[in-house]
Amino acid sequence: MSSTRSKRAIGVRRLERWLVGLVMIIVAFVLEKVVLRSVKKEEPPRAPSTLTSKGGDVDLDDLRSR
């Protein structure tokens, strides 16, 4: 009789571990979405950083003041 109980306990523990794993996956997914959303909101708009020149001097201060 004790072997039947231990088999049931093993099955229940296996199911419990599986359910805990699913919950952890869901929590990780939600946390990732929250973090990505907060990072996108805090990022300031960027100006284009590519400069093209045809050999002349480029003054970055003049470009930033525009």
C-alpha atoms as a PDB file:
ATOM      1  CA  MET A   1       0.000   0.000   0.000  1.00  0.00           C
ATOM      2  CA  SER A   2       2.848   2.384   0.653  1.00  0.00           C
ATOM      3  CA  SER A   3       4.113   1.925  -2.928  1.00  0.00           C
ATOM      4  CA  THR A   4       0.746   3.142  -4.278  1.00  0.00           C
ATOM      5  CA  ARG A   5       0.890   6.237  -2.132  1.00  0.00           C
ATOM      6  CA  SER A   6       4.426   7.021  -3.201  1.00  0.00           C
ATOM      7  CA  LYS A   7       3.489   6.666  -6.887  1.00  0.00           C
ATOM      8  CA  ARG A   8       0.594   9.071  -6.385  1.00  0.00           C
ATOM      9  CA  ALA A   9       2.836  11.477  -4.511  1.00  0.00           C
ATOM     10  CA  ILE A  10       5.395  11.351  -7.327  1.00  0.00           C
ATOM     11  CA  GLY A  11       2.669  12.070  -9.894  1.00  0.00           C
ATOM     12  CA  VAL A  12       1.289  14.946  -7.856  1.00  0.00           C
ATOM     13  CA  ARG A  13       4.764  16.412  -7.359  1.00  0.00           C
ATOM     14  CA  ARG A  14       5.504  16.122 -11.069  1.00  0.00           C
ATOM     15  CA  LEU A  15       2.253  17.943 -11.884  1.00  0.00           C
ATOM     16  CA  GLU A  16       3.030  20.572  -9.258  1.00  0.00           C
ATOM     17  CA  ARG A  17       6.499  21.210 -10.722  1.00  0.00           C
ATOM     18  CA  TRP A  18       4.961  21.485 -14.188  1.00  0.00           C
ATOM     19  CA  LEU A  19       2.389  24.028 -12.996  1.00  0.00           C
ATOM     20  CA  VAL A  20       5.023  26.052 -11.132  1.00  0.00           C
ATOM     21  CA  GLY A  21       7.089  26.114 -14.325  1.00  0.00           C
ATOM     22  CA  LEU A  22       4.128  27.447 -16.308  1.00  0.00           C
ATOM     23  CA  VAL A  23       3.480  30.158 -13.736  1.00  0.00           C
ATOM     24  CA  MET A  24       7.148  31.187 -13.817  1.00  0.00           C
ATOM     25  CA  ILE A  25       7.063  31.417 -17.623  1.00  0.00           C
ATOM     26  CA  ILE A  26       3.992  33.648 -17.474  1.00  0.00           C
ATOM     27  CA  VAL A  27       5.530  35.889 -14.797  1.00  0.00           C
ATOM     28  CA  ALA A  28       8.774  36.227 -16.796  1.00  0.00           C
ATOM     29  CA  PHE A  29       6.821  37.118 -19.946  1.00  0.00           C
ATOM     30  CA  VAL A  30       4.773  39.787 -18.171  1.00  0.00           C
ATOM     31  CA  LEU A  31       7.845  41.287 -16.476  1.00  0.00           C
ATOM     32  CA  GLU A  32       9.676  41.446 -19.794  1.00  0.00           C
ATOM     33  CA  LYS A  33       6.765  43.279 -21.417  1.00  0.00           C
ATOM     34  CA  VAL A  34       6.568  45.769 -18.523  1.00  0.00           C
ATOM     35  CA  VAL A  35      10.305  46.489 -18.662  1.00  0.00           C
ATOM     36  CA  LEU A  36      10.339  46.903 -22.446  1.00  0.00           C
ATOM     37  CA  ARG A  37       7.383  49.278 -22.268  1.00  0.00           C
ATOM     38  CA  SER A  38       9.056  51.413 -19.607  1.00  0.00           C
ATOM     39  CA  VAL A  39      12.310  51.556 -21.578  1.00  0.00           C
ATOM     40  CA  LYS A  40      10.486  52.662 -24.719  1.00  0.00           C
ATOM     41  CA  LYS A  41       8.649  55.415 -22.834  1.00  0.00           C
ATOM     42  CA  GLU A  42      11.816  56.869 -21.268  1.00  0.00           C
ATOM     43  CA  GLU A  43      13.904  56.897 -24.450  1.00  0.00           C
ATOM     44  CA  PRO A  44      14.213  60.449 -25.811  1.00  0.00           C
ATOM     45  CA  PRO A  45      13.787  60.933 -29.550  1.00  0.00           C
ATOM     46  CA  ARG A  46      17.089  60.763 -31.339  1.00  0.00           C
ATOM     47  CA  ALA A  47      18.315  63.055 -34.045  1.00  0.00           C
ATOM     48  CA  PRO A  48      19.959  61.414 -37.031  1.00  0.00           C
ATOM     49  CA  SER A  49      23.641  60.941 -36.328  1.00  0.00           C
ATOM     50  CA  THR A  50      24.865  60.396 -39.870  1.00  0.00           C
ATOM     51  CA  LEU A  51      26.987  63.188 -41.298  1.00  0.00           C
ATOM     52  CA  THR A  52      27.927  63.340 -44.941  1.00  0.00           C
ATOM     53  CA  SER A  53      30.502  65.709 -46.268  1.00  0.00           C
ATOM     54  CA  LYS A  54      32.205  66.296 -49.599  1.00  0.00           C
ATOM     55  CA  GLY A  55      35.618  67.021 -48.174  1.00  0.00           C
ATOM     56  CA  GLY A  56      34.979  70.366 -46.481  1.00  0.00           C
ATOM     57  CA  ASP A  57      35.188  71.146 -42.801  1.00  0.00           C
ATOM     58  CA  VAL A  58      32.110  70.292 -40.782  1.00  0.00           C
ATOM     59  CA  ASP A  59      31.292  72.279 -37.651  1.00  0.00           C
ATOM     60  CA  LEU A  60      29.107  70.163 -35.362  1.00  0.00           C
ATOM     61  CA  ASP A  61      28.060  73.161 -33.260  1.00  0.00           C
ATOM     62  CA  ASP A  62      26.420  74.798 -36.283  1.00  0.00           C
ATOM     63  CA  LEU A  63      24.521  71.602 -37.017  1.00  0.00           C
ATOM     64  CA  ARG A  64      23.259  71.210 -33.453  1.00  0.00           C
ATOM     65  CA  SER A  65      21.939  74.762 -33.257  1.00  0.00           C
ATOM     66  CA  ARG A  66      19.557  74.179 -36.207  1.00  0.00           C
END
